[in-house]
N, C-alpha and C. Protein backbone atom coordinates (compact mmCIF):
# COMPACT_ATOMS: atom_id res chain seq x y z
N MET A 1 -10.48 -5.85 -17.31
CA MET A 1 -10.48 -6.42 -15.88
C MET A 1 -9.68 -5.99 -14.76
N LYS A 2 -10.82 -5.38 -13.70
CA LYS A 2 -9.74 -5.00 -12.42
C LYS A 2 -8.98 -5.91 -11.38
N THR A 3 -7.70 -5.39 -11.35
CA THR A 3 -7.01 -6.43 -10.38
C THR A 3 -7.90 -6.23 -9.08
N ARG A 4 -8.22 -7.70 -8.38
CA ARG A 4 -8.75 -7.40 -6.86
C ARG A 4 -7.68 -7.58 -6.04
N PHE A 5 -8.14 -6.66 -5.03
CA PHE A 5 -7.47 -6.49 -3.85
C PHE A 5 -8.40 -7.07 -2.84
N ALA A 6 -7.26 -7.77 -1.94
CA ALA A 6 -8.05 -7.60 -0.61
C ALA A 6 -8.21 -6.35 0.16
N PRO A 7 -9.57 -6.46 1.15
CA PRO A 7 -9.94 -4.94 1.46
C PRO A 7 -8.61 -4.41 2.64
N ILE A 8 -8.34 -4.94 2.62
CA ILE A 8 -7.21 -4.53 4.26
C ILE A 8 -5.32 -4.56 3.56
N TYR A 9 -5.02 -3.69 2.96
CA TYR A 9 -3.57 -3.65 2.39
C TYR A 9 -2.56 -3.03 3.27
N PRO A 10 -2.01 -3.75 3.79
CA PRO A 10 -0.86 -2.89 4.95
C PRO A 10 0.80 -2.47 4.35
N ILE A 11 0.52 -1.53 5.48
CA ILE A 11 2.44 -0.78 4.87
C ILE A 11 3.12 -0.59 6.02
N THR A 12 4.28 -1.21 5.94
CA THR A 12 4.85 -1.20 7.05
C THR A 12 6.10 0.16 7.60
N ASP A 13 6.10 -0.21 8.70
CA ASP A 13 6.92 0.98 9.73
C ASP A 13 7.96 0.70 10.54
N LYS A 14 9.14 0.64 10.08
CA LYS A 14 9.77 -0.17 11.61
C LYS A 14 9.49 0.82 12.77
N ARG A 15 9.54 2.18 12.60
CA ARG A 15 9.46 2.82 13.67
C ARG A 15 8.24 3.04 14.18
N MET A 16 7.62 3.12 13.62
CA MET A 16 6.40 2.93 14.57
C MET A 16 5.44 1.75 14.99
N SER A 17 6.45 0.52 14.14
CA SER A 17 5.60 -0.93 15.24
C SER A 17 6.71 -1.33 16.15
N GLY A 18 8.05 -0.27 16.53
CA GLY A 18 8.98 -0.80 17.27
C GLY A 18 9.94 -2.03 17.12
N LYS A 19 9.28 -2.84 15.87
CA LYS A 19 10.36 -3.68 15.68
C LYS A 19 11.31 -3.61 14.40
N PRO A 20 12.37 -4.47 14.53
CA PRO A 20 13.75 -4.24 14.28
C PRO A 20 13.74 -4.70 12.75
N THR A 21 13.25 -5.12 12.05
CA THR A 21 12.92 -5.51 10.76
C THR A 21 11.42 -5.46 10.31
N HIS A 22 11.65 -5.53 8.53
CA HIS A 22 10.25 -5.28 8.28
C HIS A 22 10.01 -6.92 8.13
N LEU A 23 10.61 -7.66 8.22
CA LEU A 23 10.77 -9.23 8.14
C LEU A 23 9.34 -9.64 9.86
N ALA A 24 9.92 -8.86 10.33
CA ALA A 24 9.70 -8.61 11.80
C ALA A 24 7.86 -8.62 12.00
N ILE A 25 7.73 -7.97 11.21
CA ILE A 25 6.22 -7.00 10.67
C ILE A 25 5.69 -8.05 9.76
N LEU A 26 6.59 -8.53 8.57
CA LEU A 26 5.91 -9.38 7.70
C LEU A 26 4.96 -10.52 8.37
N ARG A 27 5.97 -11.06 9.20
CA ARG A 27 5.70 -12.70 9.58
C ARG A 27 3.95 -12.12 10.60
N GLU A 28 3.85 -11.23 10.90
CA GLU A 28 3.03 -11.07 12.09
C GLU A 28 1.54 -10.42 10.80
N LEU A 29 2.40 -9.57 10.06
CA LEU A 29 0.78 -9.56 8.81
C LEU A 29 0.80 -10.86 8.18
N ILE A 30 1.67 -11.67 7.91
CA ILE A 30 1.35 -12.79 7.32
C ILE A 30 -0.12 -13.98 8.13
N ARG A 31 0.59 -13.82 9.64
CA ARG A 31 -0.44 -14.53 10.46
C ARG A 31 -1.79 -13.87 10.41
N GLY A 32 -1.66 -12.44 10.15
CA GLY A 32 -3.39 -12.09 10.21
C GLY A 32 -3.86 -12.17 9.34
N GLY A 33 -3.00 -12.85 7.90
CA GLY A 33 -4.40 -13.14 7.19
C GLY A 33 -3.53 -11.74 6.10
N ALA A 34 -2.93 -11.12 5.80
CA ALA A 34 -2.60 -10.21 5.21
C ALA A 34 -2.42 -11.19 3.49
N SER A 35 -2.35 -10.12 2.25
CA SER A 35 -2.40 -11.29 0.91
C SER A 35 -1.55 -10.17 -0.05
N LEU A 36 -1.07 -8.82 0.30
CA LEU A 36 -0.33 -7.96 -0.29
C LEU A 36 0.45 -6.90 0.76
N VAL A 37 1.62 -7.21 1.32
CA VAL A 37 2.19 -5.93 1.35
C VAL A 37 3.10 -5.07 1.24
N GLN A 38 3.16 -3.80 1.35
CA GLN A 38 3.99 -2.72 0.83
C GLN A 38 4.95 -2.64 2.26
N ILE A 39 6.10 -2.68 1.49
CA ILE A 39 7.28 -2.66 2.28
C ILE A 39 8.02 -0.89 2.43
N ARG A 40 7.65 0.04 3.45
CA ARG A 40 8.24 1.58 2.83
C ARG A 40 9.40 1.80 4.15
N ASP A 41 10.19 2.88 3.81
CA ASP A 41 11.25 2.17 4.42
C ASP A 41 12.18 4.29 3.84
N LYS A 42 12.34 4.93 4.45
CA LYS A 42 12.75 6.21 3.75
C LYS A 42 14.08 6.26 4.77
N GLY A 43 14.86 4.96 5.94
CA GLY A 43 15.66 5.79 6.70
C GLY A 43 16.84 4.60 6.62
N THR A 44 16.06 3.43 6.12
CA THR A 44 17.56 2.65 6.27
C THR A 44 18.41 2.68 5.69
N PRO A 45 19.44 2.43 5.64
CA PRO A 45 20.92 2.07 4.88
C PRO A 45 20.43 1.29 3.93
N VAL A 46 20.65 1.49 2.35
CA VAL A 46 19.95 0.87 1.35
C VAL A 46 20.36 -0.77 1.51
N GLY A 47 22.14 -1.58 1.48
CA GLY A 47 22.31 -2.29 1.64
C GLY A 47 21.19 -3.36 2.63
N ASP A 48 21.28 -3.00 3.97
CA ASP A 48 20.39 -3.05 4.97
C ASP A 48 19.20 -2.99 4.55
N LEU A 49 18.20 -2.56 4.12
CA LEU A 49 17.27 -2.62 3.27
C LEU A 49 16.66 -3.77 2.43
N LEU A 50 17.97 -3.83 1.54
CA LEU A 50 17.85 -4.65 0.72
C LEU A 50 17.86 -5.98 1.15
N GLN A 51 18.85 -6.21 1.47
CA GLN A 51 18.85 -7.90 2.66
C GLN A 51 17.31 -8.18 3.42
N ASP A 52 16.81 -6.96 3.74
CA ASP A 52 15.23 -7.52 4.71
C ASP A 52 14.58 -7.34 3.42
N ILE A 53 13.94 -6.78 2.16
CA ILE A 53 13.47 -7.10 1.66
C ILE A 53 13.26 -8.25 0.86
N CYS A 54 14.77 -8.71 0.50
CA CYS A 54 14.84 -9.87 0.11
C CYS A 54 14.90 -11.25 1.07
N ARG A 55 14.46 -11.04 2.55
CA ARG A 55 14.06 -11.95 3.59
C ARG A 55 12.81 -12.29 3.32
N CYS A 56 12.33 -10.63 2.90
CA CYS A 56 10.39 -11.09 3.10
C CYS A 56 9.79 -11.29 2.12
N VAL A 57 10.72 -11.19 0.78
CA VAL A 57 9.76 -11.68 -0.86
C VAL A 57 10.24 -13.10 -0.20
N GLU A 58 11.34 -13.59 0.25
CA GLU A 58 11.31 -15.48 0.66
C GLU A 58 10.67 -15.78 1.31
N TYR A 59 10.45 -15.17 2.45
CA TYR A 59 9.08 -15.40 3.33
C TYR A 59 7.95 -15.82 2.81
N ALA A 60 7.45 -14.39 2.38
CA ALA A 60 6.10 -14.59 1.95
C ALA A 60 5.51 -15.42 0.71
N SER A 61 6.70 -15.49 0.13
CA SER A 61 6.61 -16.08 -1.29
C SER A 61 6.08 -18.43 -0.82
N LYS A 62 6.09 -18.39 0.39
CA LYS A 62 6.30 -19.50 1.14
C LYS A 62 4.41 -19.68 1.13
N TYR A 63 3.75 -18.81 1.39
CA TYR A 63 2.20 -18.06 1.81
C TYR A 63 1.73 -17.81 0.72
N GLY A 64 2.40 -17.55 -0.43
CA GLY A 64 1.74 -17.10 -1.68
C GLY A 64 1.39 -15.36 -0.90
N VAL A 65 1.75 -14.73 -0.54
CA VAL A 65 1.76 -13.50 -0.78
C VAL A 65 2.77 -12.24 -1.05
N ARG A 66 2.10 -11.48 -1.81
CA ARG A 66 2.78 -10.18 -2.58
C ARG A 66 3.26 -9.25 -2.04
N VAL A 67 4.65 -8.87 -1.70
CA VAL A 67 5.52 -7.87 -1.47
C VAL A 67 5.64 -7.07 -2.26
N ILE A 68 5.07 -5.40 -2.20
CA ILE A 68 5.52 -4.41 -3.38
C ILE A 68 6.61 -3.58 -2.39
N VAL A 69 7.55 -2.73 -3.09
CA VAL A 69 8.44 -1.79 -2.34
C VAL A 69 7.88 -0.76 -2.52
N ASN A 70 7.91 0.16 -1.65
CA ASN A 70 7.52 1.85 -1.94
C ASN A 70 8.65 2.20 -2.91
N ASP A 71 8.70 3.38 -3.49
CA ASP A 71 9.49 3.92 -4.42
C ASP A 71 10.46 3.50 -5.40
N ARG A 72 11.07 2.24 -4.51
CA ARG A 72 12.23 1.89 -5.35
C ARG A 72 12.44 0.75 -6.18
N CYS A 73 12.38 1.23 -7.80
CA CYS A 73 12.13 0.03 -8.42
C CYS A 73 13.13 -0.58 -8.36
N ASP A 74 14.73 0.10 -7.94
CA ASP A 74 16.00 -1.05 -7.95
C ASP A 74 15.74 -1.95 -6.71
N LEU A 75 15.34 -1.86 -5.86
CA LEU A 75 15.17 -2.87 -4.99
C LEU A 75 14.00 -4.13 -4.90
N ALA A 76 12.94 -3.59 -5.73
CA ALA A 76 12.06 -4.13 -6.06
C ALA A 76 12.41 -5.43 -7.33
N LEU A 77 13.35 -4.73 -7.88
CA LEU A 77 13.75 -5.93 -8.99
C LEU A 77 14.74 -6.68 -8.83
N LEU A 78 16.00 -6.06 -7.59
CA LEU A 78 17.24 -6.81 -6.96
C LEU A 78 16.00 -8.03 -5.96
N SER A 79 15.56 -7.94 -5.27
CA SER A 79 14.73 -9.03 -4.36
C SER A 79 14.11 -9.80 -4.98
N GLY A 80 13.55 -9.26 -6.04
CA GLY A 80 12.27 -10.17 -6.40
C GLY A 80 11.11 -10.39 -6.37
N ALA A 81 10.63 -8.74 -5.48
CA ALA A 81 9.73 -8.19 -4.58
C ALA A 81 8.06 -8.61 -6.51
N ALA A 82 7.04 -8.61 -6.21
CA ALA A 82 5.85 -8.10 -6.98
C ALA A 82 5.81 -7.11 -7.54
N GLY A 83 6.50 -6.05 -7.01
CA GLY A 83 6.20 -4.58 -7.93
C GLY A 83 6.35 -3.76 -6.77
N VAL A 84 6.46 -2.35 -7.08
CA VAL A 84 6.31 -1.28 -6.82
C VAL A 84 5.04 -0.49 -6.36
N HIS A 85 5.54 0.63 -5.46
CA HIS A 85 4.56 1.74 -5.21
C HIS A 85 5.05 2.90 -5.15
N LEU A 86 5.04 3.79 -6.04
CA LEU A 86 5.27 4.90 -6.77
C LEU A 86 4.54 6.30 -6.19
N GLY A 87 5.54 6.98 -6.16
CA GLY A 87 5.19 8.83 -5.64
C GLY A 87 4.69 9.51 -7.41
N GLN A 88 4.19 11.00 -6.87
CA GLN A 88 4.18 11.72 -8.13
C GLN A 88 5.77 12.32 -8.42
N GLU A 89 6.77 12.07 -7.79
CA GLU A 89 8.23 12.82 -7.73
C GLU A 89 8.53 11.29 -8.16
N ASP A 90 8.29 10.02 -8.22
CA ASP A 90 9.52 9.08 -8.12
C ASP A 90 9.52 8.79 -9.43
N LEU A 91 10.41 7.38 -9.95
CA LEU A 91 10.14 7.49 -11.71
C LEU A 91 8.92 6.98 -11.92
N PRO A 92 8.48 7.51 -13.59
CA PRO A 92 7.38 7.67 -14.30
C PRO A 92 7.16 6.21 -14.11
N ALA A 93 5.96 5.60 -14.19
CA ALA A 93 5.22 4.60 -14.46
C ALA A 93 6.20 3.78 -15.59
N VAL A 94 6.14 4.37 -16.65
CA VAL A 94 6.27 4.30 -17.87
C VAL A 94 7.33 3.42 -17.92
N PHE A 95 8.79 4.36 -17.33
CA PHE A 95 9.75 3.41 -16.74
C PHE A 95 10.15 2.11 -16.06
N ALA A 96 9.37 2.57 -15.04
CA ALA A 96 9.39 1.09 -13.79
C ALA A 96 8.69 0.17 -14.60
N ARG A 97 8.14 0.07 -15.74
CA ARG A 97 7.39 -0.86 -15.97
C ARG A 97 8.50 -1.52 -17.21
N ARG A 98 8.94 -0.70 -17.80
CA ARG A 98 10.36 -1.11 -18.81
C ARG A 98 11.63 -1.74 -17.45
N ILE A 99 11.62 -1.81 -16.31
CA ILE A 99 12.62 -2.11 -15.90
C ILE A 99 12.02 -3.65 -15.28
N LEU A 100 10.68 -3.70 -14.44
CA LEU A 100 10.13 -4.74 -14.15
C LEU A 100 9.27 -5.50 -14.73
N GLY A 101 9.20 -5.34 -15.83
CA GLY A 101 8.59 -5.90 -16.77
C GLY A 101 7.28 -5.77 -16.48
N LYS A 102 6.21 -6.57 -17.55
CA LYS A 102 4.77 -6.67 -17.31
C LYS A 102 3.87 -7.71 -16.47
N LYS A 103 4.86 -8.19 -15.88
CA LYS A 103 4.09 -9.05 -14.72
C LYS A 103 4.47 -8.35 -13.40
N ALA A 104 4.88 -7.33 -13.24
CA ALA A 104 5.13 -6.65 -11.99
C ALA A 104 3.73 -5.38 -11.69
N LEU A 105 3.71 -5.73 -10.70
CA LEU A 105 2.41 -4.88 -9.93
C LEU A 105 2.86 -3.84 -9.63
N LEU A 106 2.33 -2.54 -10.38
CA LEU A 106 2.37 -1.24 -10.02
C LEU A 106 1.52 -0.34 -9.86
N GLY A 107 1.43 0.32 -8.91
CA GLY A 107 0.52 1.38 -8.45
C GLY A 107 1.29 3.14 -8.37
N ILE A 108 0.15 3.73 -8.43
CA ILE A 108 0.71 4.95 -8.05
C ILE A 108 -0.04 6.02 -7.13
N SER A 109 0.41 7.21 -6.40
CA SER A 109 0.17 7.53 -5.48
C SER A 109 -0.87 8.81 -6.44
N THR A 110 -2.25 9.20 -6.03
CA THR A 110 -2.54 10.49 -6.65
C THR A 110 -3.25 11.14 -5.38
N HIS A 111 -3.68 12.90 -5.57
CA HIS A 111 -4.06 13.26 -4.21
C HIS A 111 -4.91 14.57 -4.97
N SER A 112 -4.94 14.54 -5.88
CA SER A 112 -5.90 15.07 -6.62
C SER A 112 -7.02 14.38 -7.87
N GLN A 113 -8.10 14.76 -8.10
CA GLN A 113 -8.85 14.20 -9.07
C GLN A 113 -8.33 14.75 -10.66
N GLN A 114 -7.10 15.83 -11.02
CA GLN A 114 -6.22 15.22 -12.57
C GLN A 114 -5.65 14.44 -12.29
N GLN A 115 -4.90 14.02 -11.07
CA GLN A 115 -3.89 13.14 -10.88
C GLN A 115 -4.69 11.86 -11.22
N VAL A 116 -5.54 11.50 -10.57
CA VAL A 116 -6.23 10.29 -10.93
C VAL A 116 -6.32 10.26 -12.25
N ARG A 117 -7.32 11.31 -12.87
CA ARG A 117 -7.48 11.12 -14.89
C ARG A 117 -5.98 10.59 -15.37
N GLU A 118 -4.77 11.15 -14.46
CA GLU A 118 -3.43 11.39 -15.70
C GLU A 118 -3.19 9.38 -15.30
N ALA A 119 -3.67 8.69 -14.35
CA ALA A 119 -3.09 7.77 -13.49
C ALA A 119 -3.95 6.40 -14.48
N ASP A 120 -4.76 7.26 -14.60
CA ASP A 120 -6.01 6.18 -15.75
C ASP A 120 -5.02 5.74 -16.97
N SER A 121 -4.31 6.49 -17.47
CA SER A 121 -3.89 6.14 -18.43
C SER A 121 -2.52 5.84 -18.52
N LEU A 122 -1.86 5.22 -17.09
CA LEU A 122 -0.62 4.71 -17.02
C LEU A 122 -0.65 3.50 -16.85
N PRO A 123 0.63 3.07 -17.36
CA PRO A 123 0.23 1.46 -17.26
C PRO A 123 0.72 0.86 -15.85
N VAL A 124 -0.06 1.24 -14.59
CA VAL A 124 -0.37 0.71 -13.16
C VAL A 124 -1.44 0.06 -13.01
N GLU A 125 -1.44 -1.23 -12.38
CA GLU A 125 -2.61 -1.87 -11.92
C GLU A 125 -3.68 -1.38 -11.11
N TYR A 126 -3.33 -0.18 -9.83
CA TYR A 126 -4.25 0.47 -9.01
C TYR A 126 -3.40 1.67 -9.01
N ILE A 127 -4.78 2.36 -8.23
CA ILE A 127 -4.37 4.00 -8.11
C ILE A 127 -4.57 4.43 -6.34
N GLY A 128 -3.26 4.96 -5.83
CA GLY A 128 -3.66 4.95 -4.45
C GLY A 128 -3.79 6.34 -4.48
N PHE A 129 -5.36 7.27 -3.31
CA PHE A 129 -5.57 8.23 -3.47
C PHE A 129 -5.91 8.56 -2.10
N GLY A 130 -5.46 9.94 -1.86
CA GLY A 130 -5.48 10.29 -0.45
C GLY A 130 -4.54 11.58 -0.09
N PRO A 131 -4.13 12.19 0.98
CA PRO A 131 -5.03 11.53 1.92
C PRO A 131 -6.52 11.92 1.85
N ILE A 132 -7.19 10.09 2.47
CA ILE A 132 -8.90 10.60 2.82
C ILE A 132 -9.06 11.68 4.13
N PHE A 133 -8.10 11.25 4.79
CA PHE A 133 -8.09 12.41 6.26
C PHE A 133 -6.90 12.63 7.05
N ALA A 134 -6.99 13.40 7.52
CA ALA A 134 -5.72 13.93 8.07
C ALA A 134 -4.79 13.09 9.09
N THR A 135 -3.46 13.03 8.85
CA THR A 135 -2.60 11.95 8.59
C THR A 135 -1.51 12.44 9.73
N SER A 136 -0.80 11.25 10.70
CA SER A 136 0.10 11.89 11.49
C SER A 136 1.88 11.28 10.54
N THR A 137 1.67 10.14 9.62
CA THR A 137 2.46 9.65 9.17
C THR A 137 3.06 9.92 8.23
N LYS A 138 2.92 11.01 8.19
CA LYS A 138 3.54 12.01 6.44
C LYS A 138 3.13 13.84 7.04
N SER A 139 4.78 14.27 7.77
CA SER A 139 4.67 15.84 8.18
C SER A 139 4.03 16.86 6.82
N ASP A 140 4.32 16.06 5.37
CA ASP A 140 4.23 17.39 4.44
C ASP A 140 3.13 16.21 3.34
N HIS A 141 2.26 16.07 4.31
CA HIS A 141 1.08 15.25 3.39
C HIS A 141 0.08 16.27 2.51
N ALA A 142 -0.34 16.00 1.11
CA ALA A 142 -0.94 16.25 0.22
C ALA A 142 -2.80 16.87 1.36
N PRO A 143 -3.43 18.05 0.54
CA PRO A 143 -4.79 18.68 1.24
C PRO A 143 -5.44 16.84 1.81
N VAL A 144 -5.99 16.64 2.66
CA VAL A 144 -7.15 15.76 2.87
C VAL A 144 -8.24 16.02 1.39
N VAL A 145 -8.48 15.00 0.79
CA VAL A 145 -9.72 14.70 0.16
C VAL A 145 -11.14 14.66 0.50
N GLY A 146 -11.08 13.86 1.40
CA GLY A 146 -12.34 13.60 2.25
C GLY A 146 -12.94 12.25 2.15
N LEU A 147 -14.11 11.92 2.39
CA LEU A 147 -15.12 10.51 1.53
C LEU A 147 -15.43 11.17 0.02
N ALA A 148 -16.12 12.53 -0.21
CA ALA A 148 -16.58 13.20 -1.31
C ALA A 148 -15.30 13.08 -1.91
N GLY A 149 -14.12 13.23 -1.76
CA GLY A 149 -13.31 13.55 -3.04
C GLY A 149 -13.06 11.89 -3.50
N LEU A 150 -12.67 10.88 -2.41
CA LEU A 150 -12.53 9.34 -2.79
C LEU A 150 -13.77 9.01 -3.60
N ARG A 151 -14.75 9.09 -3.29
CA ARG A 151 -15.70 9.12 -4.12
C ARG A 151 -16.18 9.07 -5.65
N GLN A 152 -15.43 10.70 -5.50
CA GLN A 152 -15.56 10.78 -7.11
C GLN A 152 -14.45 10.44 -7.82
N ALA A 153 -13.18 9.73 -7.00
CA ALA A 153 -11.83 9.20 -7.79
C ALA A 153 -12.56 8.04 -8.39
N CYS A 154 -13.55 7.12 -7.29
CA CYS A 154 -13.49 6.01 -7.65
C CYS A 154 -14.67 5.60 -8.81
N ARG A 155 -15.14 6.91 -8.73
CA ARG A 155 -16.11 7.13 -9.83
C ARG A 155 -15.34 6.98 -11.42
N GLN A 156 -14.37 7.70 -11.22
CA GLN A 156 -14.04 8.02 -12.74
C GLN A 156 -12.98 7.37 -13.11
N SER A 157 -12.18 6.82 -12.13
CA SER A 157 -11.42 5.64 -12.67
C SER A 157 -11.59 4.11 -12.94
N ALA A 158 -10.72 3.79 -14.12
CA ALA A 158 -11.34 2.58 -14.61
C ALA A 158 -10.60 1.86 -14.00
N LYS A 159 -9.60 2.01 -12.95
CA LYS A 159 -8.85 1.21 -11.92
C LYS A 159 -9.02 1.28 -10.69
N PRO A 160 -8.49 0.18 -10.07
CA PRO A 160 -8.90 0.35 -8.66
C PRO A 160 -8.41 1.30 -7.76
N VAL A 161 -9.01 1.94 -7.34
CA VAL A 161 -9.00 2.63 -6.13
C VAL A 161 -8.55 2.19 -4.68
N VAL A 162 -6.99 2.41 -4.20
CA VAL A 162 -7.29 2.02 -2.80
C VAL A 162 -6.91 2.88 -2.17
N ALA A 163 -7.71 3.61 -0.86
CA ALA A 163 -7.93 4.90 -0.01
C ALA A 163 -6.93 4.74 1.22
N ILE A 164 -5.92 5.77 1.23
CA ILE A 164 -5.07 6.08 2.07
C ILE A 164 -5.12 7.31 2.73
N GLY A 165 -4.44 7.19 4.29
CA GLY A 165 -4.43 8.98 4.48
C GLY A 165 -4.98 8.57 6.29
N GLY A 166 -4.85 8.60 7.07
CA GLY A 166 -5.48 8.91 8.13
C GLY A 166 -6.71 8.20 8.90
N ILE A 167 -6.67 7.18 8.05
CA ILE A 167 -8.13 6.34 7.91
C ILE A 167 -7.88 5.35 9.49
N GLU A 168 -8.85 5.34 10.16
CA GLU A 168 -9.20 4.53 11.31
C GLU A 168 -9.87 3.38 11.33
N SER A 169 -9.95 2.60 12.24
CA SER A 169 -10.76 1.18 12.06
C SER A 169 -12.11 1.64 11.60
N LYS A 170 -12.94 2.25 12.53
CA LYS A 170 -14.10 3.11 12.45
C LYS A 170 -14.41 3.74 11.69
N GLN A 171 -13.73 4.26 10.65
CA GLN A 171 -13.86 4.54 9.10
C GLN A 171 -13.83 4.01 7.93
N ILE A 172 -13.45 2.79 8.07
CA ILE A 172 -13.16 1.46 7.11
C ILE A 172 -13.89 1.31 6.35
N PRO A 173 -15.39 0.92 7.04
CA PRO A 173 -16.85 0.44 6.47
C PRO A 173 -17.50 1.98 5.66
N ALA A 174 -17.06 3.65 5.97
CA ALA A 174 -17.29 4.28 4.71
C ALA A 174 -16.68 4.82 3.95
N VAL A 175 -15.08 4.40 4.13
CA VAL A 175 -14.44 4.46 2.76
C VAL A 175 -14.57 3.29 2.22
N LEU A 176 -14.59 2.09 2.26
CA LEU A 176 -15.45 1.30 1.39
C LEU A 176 -16.47 1.33 0.85
N GLU A 177 -17.49 1.69 1.66
CA GLU A 177 -18.90 2.05 0.75
C GLU A 177 -18.86 3.46 -0.28
N ALA A 178 -17.53 4.24 0.24
CA ALA A 178 -17.34 5.79 -1.20
C ALA A 178 -16.73 4.36 -2.48
N GLY A 179 -15.92 3.40 -2.41
CA GLY A 179 -15.83 2.38 -3.63
C GLY A 179 -14.51 2.12 -3.96
N ALA A 180 -13.78 2.36 -2.36
CA ALA A 180 -12.50 1.82 -2.32
C ALA A 180 -12.18 0.02 -2.49
N ALA A 181 -11.43 0.32 -3.51
CA ALA A 181 -11.45 -1.62 -3.48
C ALA A 181 -10.57 -1.97 -2.36
N SER A 182 -9.69 -0.82 -1.74
CA SER A 182 -8.97 -1.69 -0.26
C SER A 182 -8.96 -0.45 0.61
N VAL A 183 -8.17 -0.63 1.59
CA VAL A 183 -7.61 0.72 2.58
C VAL A 183 -6.31 0.19 2.85
N ALA A 184 -5.47 0.70 2.59
CA ALA A 184 -3.81 0.86 2.95
C ALA A 184 -3.99 1.67 4.72
N LEU A 185 -3.49 1.10 5.13
CA LEU A 185 -3.42 1.13 6.65
C LEU A 185 -1.76 0.90 7.10
N VAL A 186 -1.13 2.23 7.55
CA VAL A 186 -0.05 2.33 8.33
C VAL A 186 -0.17 1.92 9.93
N SER A 187 -0.62 3.41 10.73
CA SER A 187 -0.56 3.56 12.03
C SER A 187 -1.59 2.52 12.98
N SER A 188 -2.45 2.41 12.61
CA SER A 188 -3.36 1.55 12.69
C SER A 188 -2.75 -0.37 13.33
N LEU A 189 -2.29 -0.63 12.16
CA LEU A 189 -1.85 -1.60 12.37
C LEU A 189 -0.29 -1.59 13.24
N MET A 190 0.66 -0.89 12.51
CA MET A 190 2.11 -0.67 12.83
C MET A 190 1.95 -0.06 14.67
N MET A 191 0.70 0.19 15.25
CA MET A 191 0.96 0.88 16.60
C MET A 191 -0.20 -0.48 17.81
N SER A 192 -0.36 -1.51 17.23
CA SER A 192 -0.87 -2.43 17.39
C SER A 192 -0.13 -3.28 18.24
N LYS A 193 -0.22 -3.60 19.39
CA LYS A 193 0.24 -4.51 20.26
C LYS A 193 0.65 -5.82 19.65
N CYS A 194 -0.28 -6.53 19.27
CA CYS A 194 -0.07 -7.79 18.18
C CYS A 194 -1.11 -7.12 16.53
N ILE A 195 -0.04 -7.12 16.28
CA ILE A 195 0.02 -6.89 14.62
C ILE A 195 -1.22 -8.01 14.01
N ALA A 196 -0.51 -8.88 14.32
CA ALA A 196 -0.98 -10.35 14.10
C ALA A 196 -2.66 -10.66 14.34
N ARG A 197 -2.98 -10.13 15.33
CA ARG A 197 -4.70 -9.85 15.80
C ARG A 197 -5.35 -9.02 15.22
N ARG A 198 -4.62 -8.00 15.07
CA ARG A 198 -5.18 -6.49 14.56
C ARG A 198 -5.54 -6.59 13.02
N MET A 199 -4.66 -7.38 12.08
CA MET A 199 -4.88 -7.44 10.89
C MET A 199 -5.93 -8.75 10.85
N GLU A 200 -6.08 -9.39 11.77
CA GLU A 200 -7.30 -10.40 11.70
C GLU A 200 -8.33 -9.57 12.23
N GLU A 201 -8.44 -8.48 12.87
CA GLU A 201 -10.19 -8.27 13.32
C GLU A 201 -10.24 -6.70 12.30
N LEU A 202 -9.18 -6.33 11.48
CA LEU A 202 -9.85 -5.50 10.44
C LEU A 202 -10.27 -6.20 9.24
N LEU A 203 -9.29 -7.55 8.57
CA LEU A 203 -9.94 -7.85 7.74
C LEU A 203 -11.39 -8.64 7.98
N LYS A 204 -11.60 -8.96 8.97
CA LYS A 204 -12.89 -9.42 9.25
C LYS A 204 -13.91 -8.03 9.91
N LEU A 205 -13.44 -6.66 10.04
CA LEU A 205 -14.40 -5.50 10.05
C LEU A 205 -14.41 -5.32 8.39
N ALA A 206 -13.92 -5.21 7.70
CA ALA A 206 -13.91 -4.97 6.22
C ALA A 206 -14.63 -5.87 5.41
N GLY A 207 -14.57 -7.45 6.01
CA GLY A 207 -15.18 -8.32 5.06
C GLY A 207 -16.61 -8.07 5.37
N ASN A 208 -16.97 -7.52 6.15
CA ASN A 208 -18.78 -7.15 6.48
C ASN A 208 -19.27 -5.79 5.33
N TYR A 209 -18.28 -5.72 4.63
CA TYR A 209 -19.04 -4.29 3.96
C TYR A 209 -18.56 -5.00 2.24
């Protein structure tokens, strides 16, 4: 049975949001209805980041919200996070599973149909696929796969596919109609004046499809 996902999957970005901590972002996301949040941070010193993630996990647990960490199995394990999202060049999923255990929520990024096929046999609960459209959040992103590529990935994968990359609010219906289980968003949320209100609006929009 496929793991069920809310239609909007928020990913945090302190720089883009202008917030001092991921906890400050998380509070607003939860207020807006988020049920799963990925903490993504490439620049904060690891000690400070671990403290921030620990506070996020503690706060989220009060509301039944799951927190997963981008890339770092060590930080996920130490903080008690629900799991980790892995890139193609991160620790292999089989080893991440050994570290985090059977109950951890694991996801992996894919950027081609071949990678989707390979990910289907890995011990992960979902597959991230993209970029669907051109994105400014990563300067070195993989080639755009488009809606046609997304549709093909969703058809061939036995796991839920989370679409990511350059997706704006007006494109959410088309992305969900292509078969995505959820839409991962960064800038559409992080650049909002009120993240909570934006999260609520996007969930309502996605809920109609």
